[in-house]
Amino acid sequence: MRISGTHVYYYFVCKRKLWCFSKEIRMEHLDENVQLGKLLDETSYTRENGQVMIDETVNIDFIKDWKVLHEVKKSRAIEEAGIWQLKYYMYFLKQRGIVIEKGVVDYPKIRQRETIFLLEEDESEIEKVLTEIENITTDTKPPKVIDKPLCKKCAYYEYCYI
């Protein structure tokens, strides 16, 4: 199974959303917040060479000199997920012999950024996460609804609650 950055991101946001995504139950194209995030991603940092697809698996927002990865996010609302997504990209590249010095999560809307490093303990955590992602995505039933405040703004809200 090819595990994309979206899989990792959804793992930290909601296991049910991850399961739906893996089963190609896609609701994102209907969601205004997702569309705004994509627009922000496409229009921010336009001087950079954006959207680098590697091994048809991970889609990195942009890379500077093959040393610094950048991931553009709309807000810090789900910050942990964005950080782990970026760490996964760094791990993914390291597995292919490309060592990245650091990553940066950019929040252009609030003009902030977070510098991220891939530590040894992060690599073992990522390996556990990848195993759990495989288990979730191969299950025949979706995980339970998490029922958190972020659910109200989720593209899958109707799937889970209606």
N, C-alpha and C. Protein backbone atom coordinates (compact mmCIF):
# COMPACT_ATOMS: atom_id res chain seq x y z
N MET A 1 0.84 -1.19 0.00
CA MET A 1 0.00 0.00 0.00
C MET A 1 0.88 1.25 0.00
N ARG A 2 0.52 2.20 -0.83
CA ARG A 2 1.23 3.49 -0.84
C ARG A 2 0.56 4.39 0.20
N ILE A 3 1.35 4.85 1.16
CA ILE A 3 0.82 5.73 2.19
C ILE A 3 1.25 7.15 1.88
N SER A 4 0.27 7.98 1.61
CA SER A 4 0.54 9.38 1.24
C SER A 4 0.58 10.25 2.50
N GLY A 5 0.96 11.49 2.30
CA GLY A 5 0.94 12.46 3.38
C GLY A 5 -0.48 12.69 3.89
N THR A 6 -1.45 12.59 3.02
CA THR A 6 -2.84 12.75 3.42
C THR A 6 -3.26 11.64 4.38
N HIS A 7 -2.81 10.42 4.12
CA HIS A 7 -3.09 9.31 5.04
C HIS A 7 -2.55 9.63 6.44
N VAL A 8 -1.31 10.10 6.49
CA VAL A 8 -0.68 10.41 7.77
C VAL A 8 -1.42 11.57 8.45
N TYR A 9 -1.73 12.60 7.67
CA TYR A 9 -2.46 13.75 8.21
C TYR A 9 -3.79 13.31 8.81
N TYR A 10 -4.56 12.52 8.05
CA TYR A 10 -5.86 12.06 8.53
C TYR A 10 -5.72 11.13 9.73
N TYR A 11 -4.65 10.37 9.80
CA TYR A 11 -4.43 9.51 10.96
C TYR A 11 -4.43 10.34 12.24
N PHE A 12 -3.80 11.49 12.21
CA PHE A 12 -3.71 12.34 13.40
C PHE A 12 -4.97 13.17 13.61
N VAL A 13 -5.75 13.37 12.56
CA VAL A 13 -6.99 14.14 12.69
C VAL A 13 -8.13 13.25 13.15
N CYS A 14 -8.35 12.16 12.40
CA CYS A 14 -9.49 11.29 12.69
C CYS A 14 -9.31 9.96 11.95
N LYS A 15 -9.30 8.88 12.70
CA LYS A 15 -9.11 7.54 12.11
C LYS A 15 -10.26 7.18 11.17
N ARG A 16 -11.45 7.64 11.47
CA ARG A 16 -12.61 7.36 10.61
C ARG A 16 -12.45 8.07 9.26
N LYS A 17 -11.99 9.30 9.30
CA LYS A 17 -11.74 10.06 8.07
C LYS A 17 -10.67 9.35 7.23
N LEU A 18 -9.64 8.85 7.90
CA LEU A 18 -8.59 8.08 7.23
C LEU A 18 -9.18 6.86 6.55
N TRP A 19 -10.02 6.13 7.26
CA TRP A 19 -10.64 4.93 6.71
C TRP A 19 -11.47 5.28 5.47
N CYS A 20 -12.29 6.31 5.58
CA CYS A 20 -13.12 6.74 4.44
C CYS A 20 -12.25 7.11 3.24
N PHE A 21 -11.22 7.88 3.49
CA PHE A 21 -10.31 8.31 2.42
C PHE A 21 -9.69 7.09 1.74
N SER A 22 -9.29 6.10 2.54
CA SER A 22 -8.65 4.91 1.97
C SER A 22 -9.63 4.07 1.15
N LYS A 23 -10.91 4.18 1.44
CA LYS A 23 -11.95 3.44 0.70
C LYS A 23 -12.50 4.28 -0.45
N GLU A 24 -11.84 5.38 -0.71
CA GLU A 24 -12.21 6.31 -1.79
C GLU A 24 -13.60 6.92 -1.59
N ILE A 25 -13.97 7.08 -0.33
CA ILE A 25 -15.17 7.85 0.01
C ILE A 25 -14.65 9.27 0.19
N ARG A 26 -14.79 10.06 -0.84
CA ARG A 26 -14.17 11.39 -0.86
C ARG A 26 -15.24 12.46 -0.74
N MET A 27 -15.10 13.27 0.29
CA MET A 27 -16.05 14.35 0.53
C MET A 27 -15.37 15.72 0.40
N GLU A 28 -14.06 15.72 0.29
CA GLU A 28 -13.29 16.97 0.32
C GLU A 28 -13.69 17.94 -0.80
N HIS A 29 -14.00 17.41 -1.97
CA HIS A 29 -14.30 18.28 -3.11
C HIS A 29 -15.56 19.13 -2.88
N LEU A 30 -16.38 18.73 -1.91
CA LEU A 30 -17.61 19.47 -1.61
C LEU A 30 -17.43 20.48 -0.47
N ASP A 31 -16.30 20.44 0.20
CA ASP A 31 -16.11 21.21 1.42
C ASP A 31 -15.43 22.56 1.15
N GLU A 32 -16.05 23.62 1.63
CA GLU A 32 -15.53 24.98 1.42
C GLU A 32 -14.17 25.18 2.10
N ASN A 33 -13.99 24.65 3.31
CA ASN A 33 -12.72 24.81 4.01
C ASN A 33 -11.57 24.14 3.26
N VAL A 34 -11.84 22.98 2.69
CA VAL A 34 -10.81 22.28 1.90
C VAL A 34 -10.47 23.10 0.66
N GLN A 35 -11.49 23.63 0.01
CA GLN A 35 -11.26 24.44 -1.20
C GLN A 35 -10.45 25.70 -0.87
N LEU A 36 -10.75 26.34 0.26
CA LEU A 36 -9.98 27.52 0.67
C LEU A 36 -8.54 27.15 0.96
N GLY A 37 -8.32 26.01 1.60
CA GLY A 37 -6.97 25.54 1.89
C GLY A 37 -6.18 25.28 0.61
N LYS A 38 -6.82 24.67 -0.37
CA LYS A 38 -6.16 24.40 -1.66
C LYS A 38 -5.81 25.70 -2.37
N LEU A 39 -6.73 26.65 -2.33
CA LEU A 39 -6.48 27.94 -2.96
C LEU A 39 -5.30 28.64 -2.28
N LEU A 40 -5.26 28.62 -0.98
CA LEU A 40 -4.16 29.22 -0.23
C LEU A 40 -2.85 28.54 -0.60
N ASP A 41 -2.86 27.24 -0.69
CA ASP A 41 -1.67 26.47 -1.04
C ASP A 41 -1.18 26.84 -2.44
N GLU A 42 -2.09 26.98 -3.38
CA GLU A 42 -1.73 27.27 -4.76
C GLU A 42 -1.26 28.71 -4.97
N THR A 43 -1.75 29.65 -4.14
CA THR A 43 -1.42 31.05 -4.36
C THR A 43 -0.33 31.58 -3.44
N SER A 44 0.05 30.81 -2.44
CA SER A 44 1.12 31.23 -1.52
C SER A 44 2.46 30.76 -2.08
N TYR A 45 3.47 31.54 -1.86
CA TYR A 45 4.83 31.17 -2.25
C TYR A 45 4.91 30.83 -3.74
N THR A 46 4.34 31.67 -4.56
CA THR A 46 4.27 31.39 -6.00
C THR A 46 5.64 31.42 -6.67
N ARG A 47 6.64 32.03 -6.03
CA ARG A 47 7.99 32.04 -6.63
C ARG A 47 8.69 30.71 -6.46
N GLU A 48 8.21 29.90 -5.57
CA GLU A 48 8.82 28.60 -5.31
C GLU A 48 8.33 27.59 -6.34
N ASN A 49 9.14 26.56 -6.56
CA ASN A 49 8.70 25.46 -7.42
C ASN A 49 7.82 24.56 -6.57
N GLY A 50 6.54 24.64 -6.78
CA GLY A 50 5.60 23.97 -5.90
C GLY A 50 5.19 22.59 -6.34
N GLN A 51 4.56 21.88 -5.41
CA GLN A 51 3.96 20.58 -5.64
C GLN A 51 4.93 19.58 -6.30
N VAL A 52 5.78 19.00 -5.49
CA VAL A 52 6.73 18.00 -5.96
C VAL A 52 6.19 16.63 -5.58
N MET A 53 5.82 15.83 -6.59
CA MET A 53 5.31 14.47 -6.37
C MET A 53 6.49 13.51 -6.43
N ILE A 54 6.61 12.66 -5.41
CA ILE A 54 7.72 11.72 -5.35
C ILE A 54 7.17 10.30 -5.27
N ASP A 55 7.65 9.45 -6.18
CA ASP A 55 7.24 8.04 -6.26
C ASP A 55 5.73 7.87 -6.33
N GLU A 56 5.05 8.83 -6.91
CA GLU A 56 3.59 8.80 -7.02
C GLU A 56 2.92 8.51 -5.67
N THR A 57 3.58 8.99 -4.58
CA THR A 57 3.08 8.69 -3.24
C THR A 57 2.94 9.94 -2.38
N VAL A 58 3.99 10.73 -2.29
CA VAL A 58 3.92 11.94 -1.46
C VAL A 58 3.99 13.17 -2.35
N ASN A 59 3.19 14.17 -1.99
CA ASN A 59 3.10 15.41 -2.76
C ASN A 59 3.51 16.56 -1.84
N ILE A 60 4.74 16.99 -1.98
CA ILE A 60 5.32 18.01 -1.11
C ILE A 60 5.03 19.38 -1.70
N ASP A 61 4.63 20.32 -0.83
CA ASP A 61 4.27 21.65 -1.32
C ASP A 61 5.43 22.32 -2.04
N PHE A 62 6.59 22.41 -1.40
CA PHE A 62 7.79 22.83 -2.12
C PHE A 62 9.04 22.50 -1.33
N ILE A 63 10.16 22.41 -2.07
CA ILE A 63 11.46 22.04 -1.49
C ILE A 63 12.46 23.12 -1.89
N LYS A 64 13.26 23.57 -0.92
CA LYS A 64 14.34 24.52 -1.21
C LYS A 64 15.66 23.78 -1.23
N ASP A 65 16.32 23.79 -2.37
CA ASP A 65 17.66 23.21 -2.54
C ASP A 65 17.76 21.76 -2.07
N TRP A 66 16.68 21.03 -2.09
CA TRP A 66 16.64 19.64 -1.63
C TRP A 66 17.18 19.49 -0.21
N LYS A 67 17.00 20.54 0.59
CA LYS A 67 17.45 20.52 1.98
C LYS A 67 16.34 20.89 2.97
N VAL A 68 15.40 21.72 2.51
CA VAL A 68 14.33 22.19 3.39
C VAL A 68 12.97 21.94 2.72
N LEU A 69 12.14 21.14 3.39
CA LEU A 69 10.79 20.88 2.90
C LEU A 69 9.83 21.90 3.48
N HIS A 70 8.86 22.30 2.70
CA HIS A 70 7.83 23.23 3.17
C HIS A 70 6.46 22.62 2.96
N GLU A 71 5.64 22.73 3.98
CA GLU A 71 4.24 22.31 3.92
C GLU A 71 3.40 23.53 4.28
N VAL A 72 2.47 23.90 3.42
CA VAL A 72 1.63 25.07 3.63
C VAL A 72 0.30 24.63 4.23
N LYS A 73 -0.07 25.26 5.33
CA LYS A 73 -1.33 24.95 6.00
C LYS A 73 -2.13 26.23 6.21
N LYS A 74 -3.45 26.09 6.22
CA LYS A 74 -4.34 27.24 6.36
C LYS A 74 -4.29 27.82 7.77
N SER A 75 -4.23 26.94 8.78
CA SER A 75 -4.24 27.42 10.16
C SER A 75 -3.55 26.41 11.06
N ARG A 76 -3.40 26.78 12.32
CA ARG A 76 -2.80 25.90 13.31
C ARG A 76 -3.84 25.02 14.00
N ALA A 77 -5.06 25.00 13.50
CA ALA A 77 -6.15 24.29 14.16
C ALA A 77 -5.82 22.81 14.40
N ILE A 78 -5.16 22.18 13.45
CA ILE A 78 -4.79 20.77 13.58
C ILE A 78 -3.27 20.68 13.40
N GLU A 79 -2.56 21.45 14.17
CA GLU A 79 -1.12 21.62 14.02
C GLU A 79 -0.36 20.30 14.10
N GLU A 80 -0.69 19.45 15.05
CA GLU A 80 0.03 18.18 15.23
C GLU A 80 0.00 17.35 13.95
N ALA A 81 -1.14 17.30 13.29
CA ALA A 81 -1.28 16.51 12.06
C ALA A 81 -0.36 17.04 10.97
N GLY A 82 -0.29 18.35 10.82
CA GLY A 82 0.59 18.96 9.82
C GLY A 82 2.07 18.70 10.10
N ILE A 83 2.43 18.74 11.37
CA ILE A 83 3.82 18.48 11.77
C ILE A 83 4.19 17.04 11.44
N TRP A 84 3.32 16.09 11.79
CA TRP A 84 3.63 14.68 11.51
C TRP A 84 3.59 14.37 10.02
N GLN A 85 2.76 15.06 9.28
CA GLN A 85 2.75 14.90 7.83
C GLN A 85 4.11 15.30 7.27
N LEU A 86 4.63 16.42 7.72
CA LEU A 86 5.93 16.90 7.26
C LEU A 86 7.05 15.95 7.70
N LYS A 87 6.99 15.47 8.94
CA LYS A 87 7.99 14.50 9.41
C LYS A 87 7.95 13.23 8.57
N TYR A 88 6.75 12.82 8.17
CA TYR A 88 6.62 11.65 7.31
C TYR A 88 7.30 11.89 5.96
N TYR A 89 7.12 13.07 5.39
CA TYR A 89 7.79 13.38 4.13
C TYR A 89 9.31 13.29 4.29
N MET A 90 9.82 13.81 5.39
CA MET A 90 11.26 13.76 5.64
C MET A 90 11.72 12.30 5.79
N TYR A 91 10.96 11.51 6.50
CA TYR A 91 11.24 10.09 6.70
C TYR A 91 11.20 9.37 5.35
N PHE A 92 10.16 9.63 4.57
CA PHE A 92 9.97 9.01 3.26
C PHE A 92 11.18 9.27 2.36
N LEU A 93 11.63 10.51 2.33
CA LEU A 93 12.79 10.85 1.50
C LEU A 93 14.07 10.21 2.04
N LYS A 94 14.22 10.19 3.35
CA LYS A 94 15.40 9.56 3.96
C LYS A 94 15.49 8.09 3.58
N GLN A 95 14.34 7.42 3.53
CA GLN A 95 14.30 6.02 3.13
C GLN A 95 14.77 5.83 1.69
N ARG A 96 14.75 6.88 0.93
CA ARG A 96 15.17 6.84 -0.47
C ARG A 96 16.54 7.50 -0.68
N GLY A 97 17.25 7.73 0.43
CA GLY A 97 18.61 8.26 0.36
C GLY A 97 18.73 9.76 0.27
N ILE A 98 17.63 10.47 0.47
CA ILE A 98 17.65 11.94 0.42
C ILE A 98 17.46 12.47 1.83
N VAL A 99 18.52 12.99 2.41
CA VAL A 99 18.45 13.49 3.78
C VAL A 99 18.10 14.97 3.74
N ILE A 100 17.03 15.31 4.41
CA ILE A 100 16.54 16.68 4.48
C ILE A 100 16.99 17.29 5.80
N GLU A 101 17.52 18.51 5.75
CA GLU A 101 18.00 19.18 6.97
C GLU A 101 16.88 19.49 7.95
N LYS A 102 15.80 20.03 7.41
CA LYS A 102 14.67 20.41 8.26
C LYS A 102 13.43 20.60 7.41
N GLY A 103 12.31 20.75 8.11
CA GLY A 103 11.06 21.05 7.45
C GLY A 103 10.48 22.32 8.04
N VAL A 104 9.61 22.95 7.29
CA VAL A 104 8.93 24.16 7.75
C VAL A 104 7.45 24.03 7.42
N VAL A 105 6.63 24.18 8.46
CA VAL A 105 5.19 24.27 8.24
C VAL A 105 4.89 25.76 8.15
N ASP A 106 4.40 26.17 6.99
CA ASP A 106 4.10 27.58 6.76
C ASP A 106 2.61 27.83 6.93
N TYR A 107 2.30 28.91 7.65
CA TYR A 107 0.92 29.36 7.84
C TYR A 107 0.83 30.77 7.26
N PRO A 108 0.72 30.90 5.93
CA PRO A 108 0.76 32.23 5.31
C PRO A 108 -0.38 33.15 5.74
N LYS A 109 -1.52 32.60 6.03
CA LYS A 109 -2.68 33.42 6.41
C LYS A 109 -2.41 34.19 7.71
N ILE A 110 -1.68 33.57 8.64
CA ILE A 110 -1.37 34.24 9.92
C ILE A 110 0.10 34.65 9.99
N ARG A 111 0.79 34.50 8.86
CA ARG A 111 2.20 34.90 8.73
C ARG A 111 3.09 34.30 9.84
N GLN A 112 2.96 33.00 9.99
CA GLN A 112 3.79 32.27 10.96
C GLN A 112 4.35 31.03 10.29
N ARG A 113 5.40 30.49 10.91
CA ARG A 113 5.97 29.24 10.44
C ARG A 113 6.56 28.49 11.61
N GLU A 114 6.62 27.19 11.47
CA GLU A 114 7.15 26.32 12.51
C GLU A 114 8.25 25.47 11.88
N THR A 115 9.44 25.50 12.45
CA THR A 115 10.55 24.69 11.96
C THR A 115 10.50 23.32 12.62
N ILE A 116 10.67 22.28 11.81
CA ILE A 116 10.52 20.90 12.25
C ILE A 116 11.79 20.11 11.90
N PHE A 117 12.21 19.27 12.83
CA PHE A 117 13.34 18.37 12.59
C PHE A 117 12.86 16.93 12.76
N LEU A 118 13.44 16.03 12.01
CA LEU A 118 13.13 14.61 12.13
C LEU A 118 14.14 13.99 13.07
N LEU A 119 13.67 13.56 14.24
CA LEU A 119 14.52 12.95 15.25
C LEU A 119 14.43 11.42 15.16
N GLU A 120 15.40 10.75 15.76
CA GLU A 120 15.39 9.28 15.74
C GLU A 120 14.09 8.71 16.32
N GLU A 121 13.67 9.29 17.45
CA GLU A 121 12.44 8.78 18.06
C GLU A 121 11.22 9.04 17.18
N ASP A 122 11.28 10.08 16.35
CA ASP A 122 10.19 10.35 15.40
C ASP A 122 10.10 9.23 14.37
N GLU A 123 11.26 8.74 13.94
CA GLU A 123 11.27 7.69 12.93
C GLU A 123 10.61 6.41 13.44
N SER A 124 10.88 6.04 14.68
CA SER A 124 10.23 4.84 15.23
C SER A 124 8.73 5.08 15.42
N GLU A 125 8.35 6.31 15.78
CA GLU A 125 6.93 6.64 15.91
C GLU A 125 6.24 6.58 14.54
N ILE A 126 6.90 7.07 13.51
CA ILE A 126 6.34 7.03 12.16
C ILE A 126 6.13 5.59 11.72
N GLU A 127 7.08 4.71 12.02
CA GLU A 127 6.93 3.30 11.65
C GLU A 127 5.72 2.68 12.34
N LYS A 128 5.47 3.03 13.59
CA LYS A 128 4.28 2.55 14.30
C LYS A 128 3.01 3.10 13.64
N VAL A 129 3.04 4.38 13.32
CA VAL A 129 1.89 5.03 12.68
C VAL A 129 1.59 4.37 11.34
N LEU A 130 2.62 4.07 10.56
CA LEU A 130 2.41 3.45 9.25
C LEU A 130 1.76 2.07 9.40
N THR A 131 2.17 1.32 10.41
CA THR A 131 1.56 0.02 10.69
C THR A 131 0.09 0.20 11.07
N GLU A 132 -0.19 1.17 11.91
CA GLU A 132 -1.57 1.43 12.33
C GLU A 132 -2.42 1.90 11.15
N ILE A 133 -1.84 2.71 10.28
CA ILE A 133 -2.57 3.16 9.08
C ILE A 133 -2.95 1.95 8.23
N GLU A 134 -2.02 1.03 8.03
CA GLU A 134 -2.32 -0.17 7.26
C GLU A 134 -3.44 -0.98 7.91
N ASN A 135 -3.41 -1.09 9.24
CA ASN A 135 -4.46 -1.83 9.94
C ASN A 135 -5.82 -1.16 9.79
N ILE A 136 -5.86 0.15 9.93
CA ILE A 136 -7.12 0.90 9.81
C ILE A 136 -7.67 0.79 8.39
N THR A 137 -6.82 0.97 7.41
CA THR A 137 -7.28 1.02 6.02
C THR A 137 -7.66 -0.35 5.46
N THR A 138 -7.19 -1.42 6.08
CA THR A 138 -7.57 -2.75 5.61
C THR A 138 -8.77 -3.32 6.37
N ASP A 139 -9.19 -2.63 7.41
CA ASP A 139 -10.36 -3.07 8.17
C ASP A 139 -11.61 -2.93 7.30
N THR A 140 -12.58 -3.80 7.54
CA THR A 140 -13.81 -3.74 6.74
C THR A 140 -14.84 -2.75 7.28
N LYS A 141 -14.67 -2.35 8.53
CA LYS A 141 -15.60 -1.40 9.14
C LYS A 141 -14.86 -0.14 9.55
N PRO A 142 -15.56 1.02 9.46
CA PRO A 142 -14.90 2.27 9.86
C PRO A 142 -14.76 2.36 11.37
N PRO A 143 -13.73 3.06 11.83
CA PRO A 143 -13.61 3.33 13.27
C PRO A 143 -14.80 4.17 13.74
N LYS A 144 -14.97 4.23 15.05
CA LYS A 144 -16.09 4.98 15.63
C LYS A 144 -15.90 6.48 15.41
N VAL A 145 -17.00 7.20 15.44
CA VAL A 145 -17.00 8.66 15.35
C VAL A 145 -16.29 9.20 16.59
N ILE A 146 -15.43 10.22 16.40
CA ILE A 146 -14.68 10.77 17.54
C ILE A 146 -15.46 11.83 18.31
N ASP A 147 -16.44 12.45 17.66
CA ASP A 147 -17.32 13.44 18.28
C ASP A 147 -16.55 14.54 19.03
N LYS A 148 -15.76 15.28 18.27
CA LYS A 148 -14.99 16.40 18.81
C LYS A 148 -15.44 17.69 18.12
N PRO A 149 -15.10 18.84 18.69
CA PRO A 149 -15.52 20.11 18.08
C PRO A 149 -15.09 20.26 16.61
N LEU A 150 -13.95 19.71 16.24
CA LEU A 150 -13.49 19.86 14.86
C LEU A 150 -14.37 19.12 13.88
N CYS A 151 -15.18 18.18 14.36
CA CYS A 151 -16.07 17.42 13.49
C CYS A 151 -17.07 18.32 12.76
N LYS A 152 -17.51 19.39 13.40
CA LYS A 152 -18.51 20.27 12.80
C LYS A 152 -18.01 20.94 11.52
N LYS A 153 -16.69 21.10 11.38
CA LYS A 153 -16.13 21.74 10.19
C LYS A 153 -15.55 20.73 9.20
N CYS A 154 -15.72 19.45 9.49
CA CYS A 154 -15.12 18.39 8.68
C CYS A 154 -15.93 18.12 7.41
N ALA A 155 -15.23 17.82 6.34
CA ALA A 155 -15.88 17.48 5.07
C ALA A 155 -16.71 16.20 5.20
N TYR A 156 -16.41 15.36 6.16
CA TYR A 156 -17.11 14.09 6.36
C TYR A 156 -18.22 14.18 7.41
N TYR A 157 -18.54 15.36 7.84
CA TYR A 157 -19.54 15.53 8.91
C TYR A 157 -20.86 14.81 8.58
N GLU A 158 -21.37 15.03 7.40
CA GLU A 158 -22.64 14.42 7.03
C GLU A 158 -22.53 12.90 6.99
N TYR A 159 -21.40 12.39 6.53
CA TYR A 159 -21.19 10.94 6.50
C TYR A 159 -21.27 10.36 7.91
N CYS A 160 -20.67 11.02 8.86
CA CYS A 160 -20.58 10.51 10.22
C CYS A 160 -21.84 10.75 11.05
N TYR A 161 -22.54 11.85 10.82
CA TYR A 161 -23.60 12.25 11.74
C TYR A 161 -25.01 12.25 11.15
N ILE A 162 -25.13 12.14 9.85
CA ILE A 162 -26.48 12.20 9.26
C ILE A 162 -26.82 10.90 8.57
